């Protein structure tokens, strides 16, 4: 790995950003990730609240929750495959092409879930079809955030990358908020209506977000960094292979930086909803409202932490968040088990601010800056999506399994969250600072 060039040399290689292109990229990243997170939130909430009854009715309630979370995890298992497939084209054909393709795959899969027959209608075929739709939904999501982060980071000017790239996670927070609103509205229906057709409207509503995002992305410009790379060296033939061959160090580093925060993120977003209903005994209607408030605060935090990283650096902001998250699980569960709506709300909001959106808001510029220009998309997609399987994909399942194995105790869950978070905290301490490095060079961050 070569040493990063000086600031003066770096400045000379970068042209001033096109403000119109930056605005389009910002909107494209924000709306696209809104759809991705909306899809995942409405599915995750359905897994915690109703899918065990609709698709896995002939087993115990605990087994039904485990089965629902297992189907949820399938989407994460498909994400690395989506990352492998789409990142290859993202570094060869351009970021824009992939962002349109992943958008259609995600939106189409979510709409299909809303049209599925239930177990009472077609028997075992129902959960099989559910898992298949979840798989394709995960494939599309496997390159979505990486594409949005890479495009925005490469389009934004020096000193603004953290701020603008964090809009990807502001979009994710918006998706979470919209998902919570959708479930709040759905739960206002009578129980019979919700279980028969109300939940289908929730999934069908993703069509509106898909159309809005598609209109914006069709007018999107390619990133100037990719355009310069293509003019200088032509098409990168095998970006994925080149990443594994030359970019192993930043690939592993980004993997470990993300695995813990991703696990905690989906524990708060998915498992906590089930825990509050089944163990604490809160009203089901309370859960989406808490998720809504957490998402709003998380979106603000993502933008704030991203902007802060432009001032003081990616490493210091990210390592501070990781250290706080190591300590957070125990006080979180103590607050949840009080049953107090205020204590529960504060605990969930802090989790959203730090784990779900704040930390990932910094990642959106940090991870692209770790990689050289020839395989940046592939590096970001592969590191984030493989760590998402090990982290977020199995976290709700592991947490539910630990609860079942230890008689409903939350202590093993808190220990699991702290241990996996310690991995990301350790990685953040050895990670390099990347703020304002030249994105046109082929070298990875030193």
Protein backbone atom coordinates (compact mmCIF):
# COMPACT_ATOMS: atom_id res chain seq x y z
CA UNK A 1 0.00 0.00 0.00
CA UNK A 2 1.36 3.42 -0.88
CA UNK A 3 1.25 6.44 1.39
CA UNK A 4 -1.55 8.91 0.84
CA UNK A 5 -0.53 11.97 -1.13
CA UNK A 6 -0.37 15.43 0.41
CA UNK A 7 -3.37 17.71 0.56
CA UNK A 8 -1.89 20.06 -2.04
CA UNK A 9 -1.32 17.27 -4.52
CA UNK A 10 -4.75 15.86 -3.87
CA UNK A 11 -6.45 19.15 -4.51
CA UNK A 12 -4.83 19.47 -7.88
CA UNK A 13 -6.31 16.20 -9.11
CA UNK A 14 -9.95 17.02 -8.32
CA UNK A 15 -12.19 19.29 -10.38
CA UNK A 16 -14.84 21.42 -8.62
CA UNK A 17 -18.06 19.41 -8.16
CA UNK A 18 -21.04 20.02 -10.43
CA UNK A 19 -23.69 21.36 -8.03
CA UNK A 20 -26.59 20.11 -10.14
CA UNK A 21 -25.07 16.63 -10.32
CA UNK A 22 -24.48 16.69 -6.56
CA UNK A 23 -28.13 17.57 -5.91
CA UNK A 24 -29.34 14.78 -8.18
CA UNK A 25 -27.01 12.27 -6.55
CA UNK A 26 -28.15 13.38 -3.11
CA UNK A 27 -31.83 12.90 -4.01
CA UNK A 28 -31.11 9.57 -5.71
CA UNK A 29 -29.24 8.23 -2.70
CA UNK A 30 -31.82 9.48 -0.24
CA UNK A 31 -34.93 8.20 -2.07
CA UNK A 32 -33.39 4.85 -3.07
CA UNK A 33 -32.29 4.01 0.45
CA UNK A 34 -35.68 5.16 1.71
CA UNK A 35 -37.23 2.40 -0.40
CA UNK A 36 -34.70 -0.20 0.75
CA UNK A 37 -35.22 0.54 4.41
CA UNK A 38 -38.98 0.85 4.03
CA UNK A 39 -39.04 -2.63 2.49
CA UNK A 40 -36.93 -4.09 5.28
CA UNK A 41 -38.78 -2.33 8.10
CA UNK A 42 -42.26 -3.34 7.00
CA UNK A 43 -41.01 -6.92 6.56
CA UNK A 44 -39.20 -6.92 9.90
CA UNK A 45 -42.22 -5.52 11.73
CA UNK A 46 -44.49 -8.03 10.02
CA UNK A 47 -42.08 -10.81 11.10
CA UNK A 48 -42.35 -9.69 14.70
CA UNK A 49 -46.11 -9.05 14.76
CA UNK A 50 -48.12 -11.11 12.24
CA UNK A 51 -46.13 -13.38 9.90
CA UNK A 52 -45.89 -16.19 12.44
CA UNK A 53 -49.71 -16.45 12.34
CA UNK A 54 -50.10 -16.00 8.57
CA UNK A 55 -47.28 -18.21 7.29
CA UNK A 56 -46.26 -20.46 10.24
CA UNK A 57 -49.53 -21.07 12.15
CA UNK A 58 -49.17 -24.76 13.08
CA UNK A 59 -46.28 -24.38 15.51
CA UNK A 60 -45.86 -22.86 18.97
CA UNK A 61 -45.71 -19.06 19.33
CA UNK A 62 -41.97 -19.15 20.17
CA UNK A 63 -41.23 -21.42 17.20
CA UNK A 64 -43.36 -19.18 15.01
CA UNK A 65 -41.28 -16.14 15.93
CA UNK A 66 -38.09 -18.12 15.26
CA UNK A 67 -39.44 -19.23 11.88
CA UNK A 68 -40.40 -15.65 10.98
CA UNK A 69 -36.96 -14.35 11.92
CA UNK A 70 -35.34 -17.21 9.97
CA UNK A 71 -37.22 -16.09 6.84
CA UNK A 72 -36.10 -12.55 7.67
CA UNK A 73 -32.48 -13.73 7.81
CA UNK A 74 -32.75 -15.20 4.29
CA UNK A 75 -32.83 -11.67 2.92
CA UNK A 76 -29.49 -10.98 4.54
CA UNK A 77 -28.04 -14.24 3.23
CA UNK A 78 -28.92 -13.04 -0.28
CA UNK A 79 -27.28 -9.64 0.18
CA UNK A 80 -23.68 -10.79 -0.43
CA UNK A 81 -24.82 -12.53 -3.61
CA UNK A 82 -26.45 -9.29 -4.74
CA UNK A 83 -23.28 -7.46 -3.78
CA UNK A 84 -21.14 -9.86 -5.82
CA UNK A 85 -23.35 -9.63 -8.89
CA UNK A 86 -24.16 -5.94 -8.93
CA UNK A 87 -20.85 -4.55 -7.70
CA UNK A 88 -19.16 -6.26 -10.66
CA UNK A 89 -21.28 -4.14 -12.98
CA UNK A 90 -21.04 -1.06 -10.76
CA UNK A 91 -17.26 -0.91 -11.23
CA UNK A 92 -17.45 -1.89 -14.91
CA UNK A 93 -20.52 -0.11 -16.31
CA UNK A 94 -21.10 2.61 -13.73
CA UNK A 95 -22.90 3.37 -10.50
CA UNK A 96 -26.11 4.68 -12.10
CA UNK A 97 -26.93 1.44 -13.99
CA UNK A 98 -26.78 -0.63 -10.82
CA UNK A 99 -28.84 1.81 -8.78
CA UNK A 100 -31.71 1.55 -11.28
CA UNK A 101 -31.52 -2.26 -11.45
CA UNK A 102 -31.44 -2.78 -7.66
CA UNK A 103 -34.33 -0.36 -7.23
CA UNK A 104 -36.60 -2.36 -9.53
CA UNK A 105 -35.62 -5.68 -7.94
CA UNK A 106 -36.29 -4.48 -4.40
CA UNK A 107 -39.57 -2.74 -5.22
CA UNK A 108 -40.88 -5.66 -7.28
CA UNK A 109 -40.07 -8.21 -4.57
CA UNK A 110 -41.78 -6.18 -1.86
CA UNK A 111 -44.90 -5.74 -3.98
CA UNK A 112 -44.93 -9.50 -4.62
CA UNK A 113 -44.94 -10.23 -0.86
CA UNK A 114 -48.15 -8.24 -0.57
CA UNK A 115 -49.75 -10.50 -3.18
CA UNK A 116 -48.75 -13.84 -1.65
CA UNK A 117 -51.29 -16.46 -0.55
CA UNK A 118 -51.14 -17.39 3.15
CA UNK A 119 -50.67 -20.80 4.79
CA UNK A 120 -54.42 -21.23 5.20
CA UNK A 121 -54.84 -20.83 1.43
CA UNK A 122 -52.00 -22.91 -0.09
CA UNK A 123 -50.29 -24.65 2.84
CA UNK A 124 -46.50 -25.06 2.78
CA UNK A 125 -46.21 -23.27 -0.55
CA UNK A 126 -46.95 -19.98 1.27
CA UNK A 127 -43.77 -19.85 3.43
CA UNK A 128 -41.72 -21.11 0.45
CA UNK A 129 -42.93 -18.20 -1.68
CA UNK A 130 -42.35 -15.79 1.20
CA UNK A 131 -38.73 -16.92 1.53
CA UNK A 132 -38.23 -16.64 -2.26
CA UNK A 133 -39.51 -13.05 -2.32
CA UNK A 134 -37.38 -12.21 0.70
CA UNK A 135 -34.34 -13.65 -1.10
CA UNK A 136 -34.78 -11.41 -4.15
CA UNK A 137 -35.52 -8.43 -1.93
CA UNK A 138 -32.19 -9.06 -0.20
CA UNK A 139 -30.33 -9.41 -3.50
CA UNK A 140 -31.48 -5.96 -4.58
CA UNK A 141 -30.56 -4.44 -1.23
CA UNK A 142 -27.12 -6.06 -1.44
CA UNK A 143 -25.75 -3.30 -3.65
CA UNK A 144 -28.14 -0.44 -2.90
CA UNK A 145 -26.51 1.37 0.01
CA UNK A 146 -23.02 0.70 -1.32
CA UNK A 147 -24.00 2.22 -4.66
CA UNK A 148 -25.61 5.28 -3.12
CA UNK A 149 -22.67 5.84 -0.75
CA UNK A 150 -20.06 5.40 -3.50
CA UNK A 151 -21.87 7.68 -5.95
CA UNK A 152 -22.40 10.46 -3.40
CA UNK A 153 -18.88 10.27 -1.98
CA UNK A 154 -17.36 10.40 -5.47
CA UNK A 155 -19.65 13.27 -6.56
CA UNK A 156 -19.37 15.50 -3.50
CA UNK A 157 -16.56 18.02 -3.09
CA UNK A 158 -13.73 17.83 -0.58
CA UNK A 159 -14.91 18.74 2.90
CA UNK A 160 -18.55 17.82 2.09
CA UNK A 161 -18.35 14.06 1.54
CA UNK A 162 -19.36 13.06 5.05
CA UNK A 163 -22.28 15.45 5.08
CA UNK A 164 -23.67 14.51 1.68
CA UNK A 165 -22.99 10.76 1.84
CA UNK A 166 -24.78 10.62 5.21
CA UNK A 167 -27.98 11.49 3.31
CA UNK A 168 -28.04 7.82 2.29
CA UNK A 169 -28.67 6.95 5.93
CA UNK A 170 -31.05 9.88 6.35
CA UNK A 171 -32.98 8.14 3.58
CA UNK A 172 -32.80 4.91 5.56
CA UNK A 173 -34.22 6.72 8.58
CA UNK A 174 -36.97 8.15 6.41
CA UNK A 175 -37.74 4.62 5.19
CA UNK A 176 -37.95 3.42 8.78
CA UNK A 177 -40.27 6.31 9.63
CA UNK A 178 -42.51 5.62 6.65
CA UNK A 179 -42.59 1.93 7.54
CA UNK A 180 -43.61 2.76 11.09
CA UNK A 181 -46.35 5.12 9.83
CA UNK A 182 -47.62 2.41 7.48
CA UNK A 183 -47.93 -0.05 10.37
CA UNK A 184 -49.51 2.54 12.66
CA UNK A 185 -52.20 3.08 10.04
CA UNK A 186 -52.59 -0.64 9.42
CA UNK A 187 -52.96 -1.40 13.13
CA UNK A 188 -55.78 1.11 13.37
CA UNK A 189 -57.84 -1.39 11.35
CA UNK A 190 -59.91 -4.10 13.06
CA UNK A 191 -57.89 -7.25 13.73
CA UNK A 192 -59.71 -9.28 11.07
CA UNK A 193 -59.17 -6.60 8.43
CA UNK A 194 -55.48 -6.28 9.32
CA UNK A 195 -54.89 -10.03 9.05
CA UNK A 196 -56.85 -10.42 5.80
CA UNK A 197 -56.02 -7.41 3.61
CA UNK A 198 -54.54 -4.62 5.76
CA UNK A 199 -51.03 -6.07 5.80
CA UNK A 200 -51.17 -6.45 2.00
CA UNK A 201 -51.74 -2.71 1.58
CA UNK A 202 -48.60 -2.06 3.63
CA UNK A 203 -46.46 -4.05 1.19
CA UNK A 204 -48.29 -2.75 -1.87
CA UNK A 205 -47.55 0.83 -0.82
CA UNK A 206 -43.87 0.32 -1.72
CA UNK A 207 -44.92 0.78 -5.36
CA UNK A 208 -45.30 4.53 -4.76
CA UNK A 209 -41.77 4.89 -3.38
CA UNK A 210 -40.38 2.75 -6.22
CA UNK A 211 -41.91 4.95 -8.90
CA UNK A 212 -40.66 8.16 -7.23
CA UNK A 213 -37.11 6.78 -6.92
CA UNK A 214 -37.09 5.51 -10.51
CA UNK A 215 -38.03 8.93 -11.89
CA UNK A 216 -35.14 10.54 -10.00
CA UNK A 217 -32.55 7.90 -10.86
CA UNK A 218 -33.24 7.94 -14.59
CA UNK A 219 -31.91 11.53 -14.68
CA UNK A 220 -28.85 10.74 -12.60
CA UNK A 221 -25.31 11.58 -13.81
CA UNK A 222 -22.45 9.12 -13.47
CA UNK A 223 -19.89 9.99 -10.78
CA UNK A 224 -16.94 12.13 -12.00
CA UNK A 225 -14.45 9.74 -10.39
CA UNK A 226 -15.84 6.81 -12.40
CA UNK A 227 -15.90 8.89 -15.59
CA UNK A 228 -12.24 9.83 -15.13
CA UNK A 229 -11.29 6.23 -14.37
CA UNK A 230 -13.02 4.99 -17.53
CA UNK A 231 -11.30 7.65 -19.66
CA UNK A 232 -7.87 6.78 -18.28
CA UNK A 233 -7.88 2.98 -18.03
CA UNK A 234 -11.09 1.86 -19.75
CA UNK A 235 -13.45 -0.74 -18.30
CA UNK A 236 -12.33 -2.62 -15.19
CA UNK A 237 -12.59 -6.26 -16.27
CA UNK A 238 -12.83 -8.09 -12.94
CA UNK A 239 -13.37 -5.65 -10.04
CA UNK A 240 -14.53 -8.34 -7.60
CA UNK A 241 -11.48 -10.53 -8.23
CA UNK A 242 -9.23 -7.47 -8.01
CA UNK A 243 -10.78 -6.57 -4.66
CA UNK A 244 -9.99 -9.99 -3.20
CA UNK A 245 -6.52 -9.93 -4.73
CA UNK A 246 -5.37 -6.37 -3.99
CA UNK A 247 -7.90 -4.92 -1.53
CA UNK A 248 -8.04 -7.60 1.16
CA UNK A 249 -6.84 -5.30 3.95
CA UNK A 250 -9.52 -2.57 3.61
CA UNK A 251 -12.08 -5.29 2.79
CA UNK A 252 -11.46 -7.08 6.10
CA UNK A 253 -11.21 -3.80 7.98
CA UNK A 254 -14.58 -2.56 6.69
CA UNK A 255 -16.08 -5.99 7.44
CA UNK A 256 -15.09 -5.79 11.10
CA UNK A 257 -16.00 -2.09 11.35
CA UNK A 258 -19.55 -2.95 10.31
CA UNK A 259 -20.31 -6.37 11.80
CA UNK A 260 -20.99 -5.16 15.34
CA UNK A 261 -22.91 -2.01 14.52
CA UNK A 262 -25.00 -3.95 12.00
CA UNK A 263 -25.87 -6.59 14.59
CA UNK A 264 -26.97 -3.95 17.09
CA UNK A 265 -28.83 -2.00 14.41
CA UNK A 266 -31.14 -4.87 13.48
CA UNK A 267 -31.46 -5.98 17.08
CA UNK A 268 -32.99 -2.60 17.87
CA UNK A 269 -35.08 -2.45 14.70
CA UNK A 270 -36.43 -6.00 14.66
CA UNK A 271 -35.79 -8.05 17.83
CA UNK A 272 -36.69 -5.28 20.27
CA UNK A 273 -40.16 -5.02 18.68
CA UNK A 274 -40.81 -8.69 19.38
CA UNK A 275 -39.24 -8.48 22.87
CA UNK A 276 -41.41 -5.55 23.91
CA UNK A 277 -44.59 -7.38 22.89
CA UNK A 278 -43.80 -10.95 23.99
CA UNK A 279 -41.64 -10.36 27.10
CA UNK A 280 -42.38 -6.88 28.43
CA UNK A 281 -46.05 -7.03 27.50
CA UNK A 282 -46.46 -3.63 25.86
CA UNK A 283 -49.34 -2.95 23.48
CA UNK A 284 -48.54 -3.92 19.86
CA UNK A 285 -49.73 -0.50 18.70
CA UNK A 286 -47.01 1.16 20.83
CA UNK A 287 -44.11 -0.46 18.95
CA UNK A 288 -44.42 1.28 15.54
CA UNK A 289 -44.78 4.65 17.30
CA UNK A 290 -41.49 4.12 19.14
CA UNK A 291 -39.81 3.00 15.92
CA UNK A 292 -41.12 6.13 14.20
CA UNK A 293 -39.63 8.46 16.80
CA UNK A 294 -36.36 6.49 16.80
CA UNK A 295 -36.13 6.76 13.02
CA UNK A 296 -36.70 10.51 13.02
CA UNK A 297 -34.00 11.06 15.64
CA UNK A 298 -31.72 8.56 13.88
CA UNK A 299 -32.02 10.38 10.56
CA UNK A 300 -31.03 13.66 12.19
CA UNK A 301 -28.13 11.90 13.94
CA UNK A 302 -26.89 10.32 10.69
CA UNK A 303 -26.64 13.73 9.04
CA UNK A 304 -25.12 15.29 12.17
CA UNK A 305 -22.44 12.62 12.65
CA UNK A 306 -21.63 12.67 8.92
CA UNK A 307 -21.17 16.45 9.03
CA UNK A 308 -19.10 16.16 12.22
CA UNK A 309 -16.80 13.66 10.51
CA UNK A 310 -16.06 16.32 7.86
CA UNK A 311 -14.76 18.54 10.66
CA UNK A 312 -12.93 16.27 13.11
CA UNK A 313 -12.37 13.14 10.96
CA UNK A 314 -14.07 9.82 10.28
CA UNK A 315 -11.96 7.75 12.70
CA UNK A 316 -12.56 9.78 15.87
CA UNK A 317 -16.32 10.05 15.34
CA UNK A 318 -16.74 6.39 14.42
CA UNK A 319 -14.58 4.98 17.25
CA UNK A 320 -16.43 7.11 19.81
CA UNK A 321 -19.80 5.75 18.65
CA UNK A 322 -18.48 2.17 18.67
CA UNK A 323 -17.17 2.55 22.24
CA UNK A 324 -20.53 3.87 23.44
CA UNK A 325 -22.36 0.97 21.80
CA UNK A 326 -20.26 -1.59 23.68
CA UNK A 327 -21.71 -0.21 26.92
CA UNK A 328 -25.28 0.37 25.76
CA UNK A 329 -27.04 -3.09 25.85
CA UNK A 330 -27.32 -3.52 29.64
CA UNK A 331 -28.89 -0.12 30.39
CA UNK A 332 -31.12 -0.60 27.34
CA UNK A 333 -32.65 -3.83 28.66
CA UNK A 334 -32.97 -2.42 32.17
CA UNK A 335 -34.94 0.48 30.71
CA UNK A 336 -37.11 -1.79 28.54
CA UNK A 337 -38.01 -4.05 31.45
CA UNK A 338 -39.31 -1.18 33.56
CA UNK A 339 -42.32 -1.18 31.25
CA UNK A 340 -42.31 2.62 31.41
CA UNK A 341 -43.23 4.14 28.03
CA UNK A 342 -40.80 7.01 28.64
CA UNK A 343 -37.88 4.73 29.57
CA UNK A 344 -38.59 2.43 26.63
CA UNK A 345 -38.77 5.36 24.22
CA UNK A 346 -35.47 6.86 25.45
CA UNK A 347 -33.69 3.50 25.20
CA UNK A 348 -34.93 2.77 21.67
CA UNK A 349 -34.18 6.32 20.47
CA UNK A 350 -30.59 6.15 21.75
CA UNK A 351 -30.17 2.79 20.00
CA UNK A 352 -31.44 4.25 16.74
CA UNK A 353 -29.27 7.38 17.07
CA UNK A 354 -26.04 5.44 17.63
CA UNK A 355 -26.41 1.94 16.16
CA UNK A 356 -29.08 2.15 13.47
CA UNK A 357 -28.28 5.43 11.75
CA UNK A 358 -25.54 7.50 13.41
CA UNK A 359 -22.70 5.02 12.97
CA UNK A 360 -23.77 4.08 9.45
CA UNK A 361 -24.06 7.76 8.55
CA UNK A 362 -20.29 7.97 9.03
CA UNK A 363 -19.75 4.70 7.12
CA UNK A 364 -21.29 6.17 3.98
CA UNK A 365 -18.19 8.30 3.36
CA UNK A 366 -15.67 6.34 5.47
CA UNK A 367 -15.98 3.04 3.61
CA UNK A 368 -15.71 4.41 0.04
CA UNK A 369 -12.64 6.40 1.10
CA UNK A 370 -10.93 3.21 2.32
CA UNK A 371 -10.73 1.79 -1.23
CA UNK A 372 -8.91 2.74 -4.41
CA UNK A 373 -10.85 3.83 -7.48
CA UNK A 374 -10.66 0.59 -9.50
CA UNK A 375 -12.77 -1.54 -7.15
CA UNK A 376 -14.37 0.95 -4.76
CA UNK A 377 -17.98 -0.13 -5.41
CA UNK A 378 -17.10 -3.81 -5.06
CA UNK A 379 -15.09 -3.21 -1.89
CA UNK A 380 -17.85 -1.26 -0.17
CA UNK A 381 -20.61 -3.65 -1.26
CA UNK A 382 -18.80 -6.87 -0.35
CA UNK A 383 -17.48 -5.71 3.02
CA UNK A 384 -20.85 -4.30 4.11
CA UNK A 385 -23.01 -7.15 2.85
CA UNK A 386 -20.93 -10.07 4.10
CA UNK A 387 -20.71 -8.39 7.50
CA UNK A 388 -24.48 -7.76 7.33
CA UNK A 389 -25.09 -11.53 7.14
CA UNK A 390 -22.85 -12.27 10.12
CA UNK A 391 -24.12 -9.22 11.98
CA UNK A 392 -27.65 -8.01 11.26
CA UNK A 393 -28.95 -10.99 9.30
CA UNK A 394 -28.73 -13.47 12.14
CA UNK A 395 -28.94 -11.07 15.09
CA UNK A 396 -32.74 -11.25 15.62
CA UNK A 397 -32.59 -15.04 15.23
CA UNK A 398 -29.69 -15.40 17.68
CA UNK A 399 -31.36 -13.10 20.18
CA UNK A 400 -34.65 -15.01 19.99
CA UNK A 401 -32.74 -18.31 20.31
CA UNK A 402 -30.84 -17.08 23.38
CA UNK A 403 -34.08 -15.95 24.99
CA UNK A 404 -35.63 -19.37 24.38
CA UNK A 405 -32.53 -21.25 25.61
CA UNK A 406 -32.11 -19.25 28.83
CA UNK A 407 -35.68 -19.14 30.03
CA UNK A 408 -36.52 -15.68 28.74
CA UNK A 409 -33.52 -13.95 30.34
CA UNK A 410 -32.24 -10.84 28.55
CA UNK A 411 -28.71 -11.14 30.00
CA UNK A 412 -27.31 -13.54 27.32
CA UNK A 413 -28.73 -11.24 24.62
CA UNK A 414 -26.99 -8.22 26.15
CA UNK A 415 -23.71 -10.17 26.40
CA UNK A 416 -23.99 -11.20 22.74
CA UNK A 417 -24.60 -7.58 21.70
CA UNK A 418 -21.60 -6.35 23.70
CA UNK A 419 -19.21 -9.02 22.41
CA UNK A 420 -20.02 -8.51 18.75
CA UNK A 421 -19.86 -4.74 19.26
CA UNK A 422 -16.40 -5.02 20.80
CA UNK A 423 -15.16 -6.39 17.47
CA UNK A 424 -16.16 -3.23 15.64
CA UNK A 425 -14.76 -1.04 18.41
CA UNK A 426 -11.39 -2.79 18.13
CA UNK A 427 -11.39 -2.37 14.35
CA UNK A 428 -12.16 1.34 14.69
CA UNK A 429 -9.06 1.83 16.84
CA UNK A 430 -6.71 0.49 14.14
CA UNK A 431 -8.52 1.99 11.14
CA UNK A 432 -6.82 4.86 9.24
CA UNK A 433 -8.13 8.40 8.93
CA UNK A 434 -9.48 8.95 5.39
CA UNK A 435 -11.06 12.42 5.47
CA UNK A 436 -10.35 14.40 2.28
CA UNK A 437 -8.13 11.77 0.63
CA UNK A 438 -7.86 11.75 -3.17
CA UNK A 439 -10.55 9.43 -4.55
CA UNK A 440 -9.01 9.31 -8.05
CA UNK A 441 -5.97 7.28 -6.99
CA UNK A 442 -5.89 3.47 -7.30
CA UNK A 443 -4.26 2.98 -3.90
CA UNK A 444 -6.24 2.03 -0.83
CA UNK A 445 -6.10 4.23 2.26
CA UNK A 446 -2.79 3.80 4.09
